[in-house]
N, C-alpha and C. Protein backbone atom coordinates (compact mmCIF):
# COMPACT_ATOMS: atom_id res chain seq x y z
N UNK A 1 29.79 9.11 -13.86
CA UNK A 1 28.94 8.61 -13.28
C UNK A 1 27.98 7.13 -14.66
N UNK A 2 28.15 6.36 -14.03
CA UNK A 2 27.20 4.96 -15.02
C UNK A 2 25.83 5.18 -14.80
N UNK A 3 24.83 4.59 -16.31
CA UNK A 3 23.77 3.98 -15.70
C UNK A 3 23.44 3.55 -14.82
N UNK A 4 24.21 2.26 -14.57
CA UNK A 4 23.74 1.70 -12.64
C UNK A 4 23.66 2.67 -11.95
N UNK A 5 24.89 3.51 -11.91
CA UNK A 5 25.12 4.55 -10.83
C UNK A 5 23.78 5.43 -10.36
N UNK A 6 23.21 5.66 -12.00
CA UNK A 6 21.88 6.74 -12.19
C UNK A 6 20.56 6.04 -11.49
N UNK A 7 20.67 4.83 -12.21
CA UNK A 7 19.68 4.46 -11.61
C UNK A 7 19.53 4.26 -9.30
N UNK A 8 20.81 3.69 -9.56
CA UNK A 8 20.39 3.56 -8.04
C UNK A 8 20.36 4.72 -7.16
N UNK A 9 20.62 5.63 -7.87
CA UNK A 9 20.21 7.47 -7.39
C UNK A 9 18.73 7.34 -7.84
N UNK A 10 18.41 7.28 -8.56
CA UNK A 10 16.96 6.85 -8.64
C UNK A 10 15.84 6.29 -7.43
N UNK A 11 17.02 5.02 -7.27
CA UNK A 11 15.71 4.00 -6.11
C UNK A 11 16.14 4.75 -4.95
N UNK A 12 17.47 5.41 -4.67
CA UNK A 12 17.56 5.76 -3.36
C UNK A 12 16.49 7.10 -3.44
N UNK A 13 16.30 7.90 -4.23
CA UNK A 13 15.11 8.96 -4.22
C UNK A 13 14.25 8.50 -4.06
N UNK A 14 13.43 7.55 -4.54
CA UNK A 14 12.57 6.64 -4.44
C UNK A 14 12.09 5.73 -3.24
N UNK A 15 12.67 5.49 -2.66
CA UNK A 15 12.91 5.16 -1.24
C UNK A 15 13.01 6.79 -0.26
N UNK A 16 13.49 7.61 -0.44
CA UNK A 16 13.14 8.61 0.23
C UNK A 16 11.80 9.23 -0.02
N UNK A 17 11.56 9.57 -1.40
CA UNK A 17 10.04 9.73 -1.55
C UNK A 17 8.77 9.38 -0.53
N UNK A 18 9.21 8.04 -0.59
CA UNK A 18 7.87 6.81 0.19
C UNK A 18 8.08 6.88 1.18
N UNK A 19 9.53 7.33 2.38
CA UNK A 19 9.33 7.44 3.51
C UNK A 19 8.71 8.81 3.73
N UNK A 20 9.24 9.84 2.85
CA UNK A 20 8.35 11.28 2.58
C UNK A 20 6.72 11.20 2.86
N UNK A 21 6.45 10.72 1.86
CA UNK A 21 4.52 10.48 2.18
C UNK A 21 4.48 9.98 3.10
N UNK A 22 4.51 8.43 3.62
CA UNK A 22 4.23 8.35 5.07
C UNK A 22 4.20 9.11 6.20
N UNK A 23 5.70 9.94 6.03
CA UNK A 23 5.31 11.21 7.27
C UNK A 23 5.08 12.40 6.73
N UNK A 24 4.02 12.61 5.52
CA UNK A 24 3.35 14.05 5.00
C UNK A 24 4.36 14.49 5.49
N UNK A 25 5.74 14.64 4.93
CA UNK A 25 6.54 15.78 5.18
C UNK A 25 6.96 16.21 3.48
N UNK A 26 6.54 17.40 3.33
CA UNK A 26 6.36 17.98 2.41
C UNK A 26 7.98 18.41 1.79
N UNK A 27 8.41 19.29 2.87
CA UNK A 27 10.25 19.41 2.46
C UNK A 27 11.09 17.78 1.68
N UNK A 28 10.91 17.29 2.77
CA UNK A 28 11.09 16.46 2.22
C UNK A 28 11.18 15.29 0.90
N UNK A 29 10.03 15.52 0.61
CA UNK A 29 9.47 15.00 -0.87
C UNK A 29 9.71 16.20 -1.64
N UNK A 30 9.90 16.93 -1.79
CA UNK A 30 10.23 18.12 -2.56
C UNK A 30 11.98 17.39 -3.03
N UNK A 31 12.60 17.54 -1.73
CA UNK A 31 13.96 16.95 -1.86
C UNK A 31 14.57 16.20 -2.88
N UNK A 32 13.22 14.85 -2.45
CA UNK A 32 13.62 13.26 -2.69
C UNK A 32 13.23 13.35 -4.36
N UNK A 33 12.20 14.45 -4.25
CA UNK A 33 11.46 14.27 -5.81
C UNK A 33 12.37 15.18 -6.50
N UNK A 34 13.29 16.46 -6.39
CA UNK A 34 14.12 16.92 -7.20
C UNK A 34 15.33 16.06 -7.63
N UNK A 35 16.19 14.88 -6.65
CA UNK A 35 16.77 14.46 -6.55
C UNK A 35 16.69 13.64 -7.48
N UNK A 36 15.49 12.71 -7.52
CA UNK A 36 14.54 11.60 -8.22
C UNK A 36 14.88 12.51 -10.15
N UNK A 37 14.22 13.40 -10.23
CA UNK A 37 14.48 14.23 -11.68
C UNK A 37 15.73 14.54 -11.83
N UNK A 38 16.50 14.92 -11.34
CA UNK A 38 18.28 14.70 -11.94
C UNK A 38 18.71 13.96 -12.05
N UNK A 39 18.29 12.89 -11.24
CA UNK A 39 19.33 11.29 -12.05
C UNK A 39 18.27 10.50 -12.83
N UNK A 40 16.78 10.83 -13.04
CA UNK A 40 16.48 10.53 -14.42
C UNK A 40 16.85 11.22 -15.33
N UNK A 41 17.27 12.35 -15.26
CA UNK A 41 17.77 13.32 -16.46
C UNK A 41 19.27 12.30 -16.48
N UNK A 42 20.21 12.53 -15.55
CA UNK A 42 20.87 11.58 -15.88
C UNK A 42 21.00 10.35 -17.11
N UNK A 43 20.09 9.29 -16.14
CA UNK A 43 19.65 8.74 -17.55
C UNK A 43 19.18 8.44 -18.80
N UNK A 44 18.49 9.77 -18.88
CA UNK A 44 18.01 9.97 -20.47
C UNK A 44 19.52 10.19 -20.96
N UNK A 45 20.73 11.18 -20.05
CA UNK A 45 21.74 11.53 -21.15
C UNK A 45 22.53 10.02 -21.81
N UNK A 46 22.25 8.77 -21.09
CA UNK A 46 22.78 7.56 -22.00
C UNK A 46 22.36 7.24 -22.84
N UNK A 47 21.04 7.38 -23.18
CA UNK A 47 20.18 7.13 -24.39
C UNK A 47 19.34 6.14 -24.71
N UNK A 48 19.15 5.10 -25.16
CA UNK A 48 18.21 3.92 -25.23
C UNK A 48 19.59 3.14 -25.89
N UNK A 49 20.67 2.66 -25.25
CA UNK A 49 21.46 1.72 -25.43
C UNK A 49 21.26 0.01 -24.93
N UNK A 50 21.80 -1.08 -25.37
CA UNK A 50 21.44 -2.19 -24.30
C UNK A 50 22.11 -2.06 -23.15
N UNK A 51 21.42 -2.81 -21.96
CA UNK A 51 21.81 -2.85 -20.96
C UNK A 51 21.89 -4.41 -20.40
N UNK A 52 22.58 -4.46 -19.11
CA UNK A 52 22.48 -5.76 -19.13
C UNK A 52 21.84 -6.06 -17.62
N UNK A 53 22.13 -7.28 -17.94
CA UNK A 53 20.59 -7.83 -16.18
C UNK A 53 20.86 -7.04 -15.31
N UNK A 54 22.17 -6.64 -14.71
CA UNK A 54 22.08 -6.02 -13.37
C UNK A 54 21.18 -4.52 -13.56
N UNK A 55 21.27 -4.08 -14.72
CA UNK A 55 20.80 -2.59 -14.87
C UNK A 55 18.99 -2.51 -14.82
N UNK A 56 18.81 -3.25 -15.75
CA UNK A 56 17.07 -4.16 -16.18
C UNK A 56 16.72 -4.44 -15.18
N UNK A 57 17.42 -5.49 -13.97
CA UNK A 57 17.04 -5.22 -12.99
C UNK A 57 16.39 -4.41 -11.86
N UNK A 58 17.60 -3.11 -11.88
CA UNK A 58 17.94 -1.98 -10.82
C UNK A 58 16.15 -1.14 -11.86
N UNK A 59 16.38 -1.25 -13.04
CA UNK A 59 14.69 -0.41 -13.57
C UNK A 59 13.77 -1.41 -12.83
N UNK A 60 13.78 -2.70 -13.09
CA UNK A 60 12.17 -2.79 -12.94
C UNK A 60 12.13 -2.59 -11.13
N UNK A 61 13.67 -2.82 -10.78
CA UNK A 61 13.20 -2.34 -9.04
C UNK A 61 12.51 -1.04 -8.92
N UNK A 62 12.90 0.30 -9.58
CA UNK A 62 12.65 1.68 -9.67
C UNK A 62 11.40 1.41 -10.02
N UNK A 63 10.94 0.76 -11.26
CA UNK A 63 9.71 0.37 -11.88
C UNK A 63 8.72 0.16 -10.30
N UNK A 64 8.87 -0.86 -9.85
CA UNK A 64 7.65 -1.31 -8.51
C UNK A 64 8.11 -0.24 -7.69
N UNK A 65 9.04 0.79 -7.13
CA UNK A 65 9.15 1.78 -6.16
C UNK A 65 8.39 2.90 -6.86
N UNK A 66 8.13 3.01 -8.19
CA UNK A 66 7.45 4.42 -8.20
C UNK A 66 5.95 4.08 -8.21
N UNK A 67 5.44 2.28 -8.90
CA UNK A 67 4.30 1.97 -8.52
C UNK A 67 3.47 2.37 -6.81
N UNK A 68 4.69 1.89 -6.20
CA UNK A 68 4.20 2.31 -4.73
C UNK A 68 4.16 3.43 -4.30
N UNK A 69 4.69 4.92 -5.09
CA UNK A 69 4.49 5.90 -3.99
C UNK A 69 3.30 6.32 -4.80
N UNK A 70 2.93 6.08 -6.34
CA UNK A 70 2.18 6.23 -7.22
C UNK A 70 0.37 5.77 -6.53
N UNK A 71 0.91 4.38 -5.44
CA UNK A 71 0.03 4.30 -4.69
C UNK A 71 -0.99 4.54 -3.32
N UNK A 72 0.02 5.34 -2.84
CA UNK A 72 0.50 6.83 -1.64
C UNK A 72 -0.21 7.52 -1.98
N UNK A 73 0.09 7.88 -3.32
CA UNK A 73 -0.07 9.35 -3.52
C UNK A 73 -2.15 9.28 -3.78
N UNK A 74 -2.19 8.11 -4.36
CA UNK A 74 -3.74 8.04 -4.96
C UNK A 74 -4.88 7.54 -3.36
N UNK A 75 -4.08 6.50 -2.66
CA UNK A 75 -4.39 6.45 -1.39
C UNK A 75 -4.46 8.24 -0.60
N UNK A 76 -3.78 9.01 -0.96
CA UNK A 76 -4.01 9.68 0.13
C UNK A 76 -5.36 10.73 -1.02
N UNK A 77 -4.81 10.88 -2.00
CA UNK A 77 -6.14 11.98 -2.67
C UNK A 77 -7.46 11.18 -2.32
N UNK A 78 -7.46 10.04 -2.40
CA UNK A 78 -8.69 9.55 -2.00
C UNK A 78 -9.27 10.30 0.03
N UNK A 79 -8.46 9.72 0.25
CA UNK A 79 -8.55 10.59 1.74
C UNK A 79 -8.89 11.78 2.31
N UNK A 80 -8.08 12.91 0.86
CA UNK A 80 -8.95 13.96 1.00
C UNK A 80 -10.68 14.26 0.48
N UNK A 81 -10.23 13.57 -0.66
CA UNK A 81 -12.11 13.46 -1.53
C UNK A 81 -12.74 13.23 -0.12
N UNK A 82 -12.57 11.98 0.31
CA UNK A 82 -13.51 11.24 1.40
C UNK A 82 -13.59 12.47 2.30
N UNK A 83 -12.86 12.89 3.36
CA UNK A 83 -12.89 14.30 3.79
C UNK A 83 -13.22 15.53 3.85
N UNK A 84 -13.31 16.37 2.12
CA UNK A 84 -13.83 17.02 1.87
C UNK A 84 -15.42 16.74 1.68
N UNK A 85 -15.33 15.54 1.24
CA UNK A 85 -16.84 15.12 1.13
C UNK A 85 -17.64 15.57 2.27
N UNK A 86 -16.96 14.81 3.64
CA UNK A 86 -17.79 15.24 4.75
C UNK A 86 -18.03 16.12 5.58
N UNK A 87 -16.99 16.97 5.12
CA UNK A 87 -16.93 18.64 5.41
C UNK A 87 -18.19 19.08 4.80
N UNK A 88 -18.62 18.76 3.24
CA UNK A 88 -19.45 19.67 2.64
C UNK A 88 -20.79 18.90 2.91
N UNK A 89 -20.65 18.03 3.62
CA UNK A 89 -22.70 16.98 3.43
C UNK A 89 -22.46 16.07 2.39
N UNK A 90 -21.47 15.93 1.62
CA UNK A 90 -21.81 15.11 0.53
C UNK A 90 -21.62 13.49 0.76
N UNK A 91 -22.27 13.02 0.42
CA UNK A 91 -21.62 11.26 0.85
C UNK A 91 -21.10 11.15 -0.38
N UNK A 92 -21.42 9.68 -0.45
CA UNK A 92 -21.05 8.54 -2.31
C UNK A 92 -19.75 8.53 -2.25
N UNK A 93 -19.22 7.66 -3.42
CA UNK A 93 -18.17 7.12 -3.64
C UNK A 93 -16.97 8.24 -3.47
N UNK A 94 -16.33 7.04 -2.85
CA UNK A 94 -14.55 8.25 -2.62
C UNK A 94 -13.86 8.23 -3.50
N UNK A 95 -14.16 7.00 -4.37
CA UNK A 95 -13.44 6.55 -6.07
C UNK A 95 -14.24 7.48 -7.03
N UNK A 96 -14.69 7.82 -6.92
CA UNK A 96 -16.30 8.13 -7.80
C UNK A 96 -15.46 9.94 -8.46
N UNK A 97 -15.89 10.80 -9.70
CA UNK A 97 -14.84 12.19 -9.88
C UNK A 97 -16.28 13.43 -9.65
N UNK A 98 -17.69 12.51 -9.51
CA UNK A 98 -18.55 13.70 -9.09
C UNK A 98 -20.04 12.77 -9.12
N UNK A 99 -21.27 13.07 -9.36
CA UNK A 99 -22.18 13.03 -8.74
C UNK A 99 -22.63 12.35 -9.93
N UNK A 100 -23.98 11.20 -9.86
CA UNK A 100 -24.04 11.07 -11.35
C UNK A 100 -26.03 10.83 -10.52
N UNK A 101 -26.46 11.90 -12.13
CA UNK A 101 -27.92 11.64 -11.92
C UNK A 101 -28.75 10.81 -12.57
N UNK A 102 -29.52 9.86 -11.91
CA UNK A 102 -30.14 8.80 -12.98
C UNK A 102 -31.67 9.04 -12.73
N UNK A 103 -32.18 8.99 -13.86
CA UNK A 103 -33.75 9.11 -14.16
C UNK A 103 -34.51 7.75 -13.82
């Protein structure tokens, strides 16, 4: 396996993670995450040597997809926080961590 192949596996796994997040499919998310982590371990084994433009582009694509996953997770967390606030009768900012008292 080459560095390029490992990056393609990471990208495929990130696409699978995004699909699982969209579908709220926990089992698929676990599988995709496991696949991604295995591919990342393979990438790690290649070390930090020089890369060509194709590999650099694949790494940038993987980074963008990872950011997309992070955004989905953050939105889901904000929705859960907002639902919990509604259930507990608390209002407030869905993005805040706690209540703030003003004197």
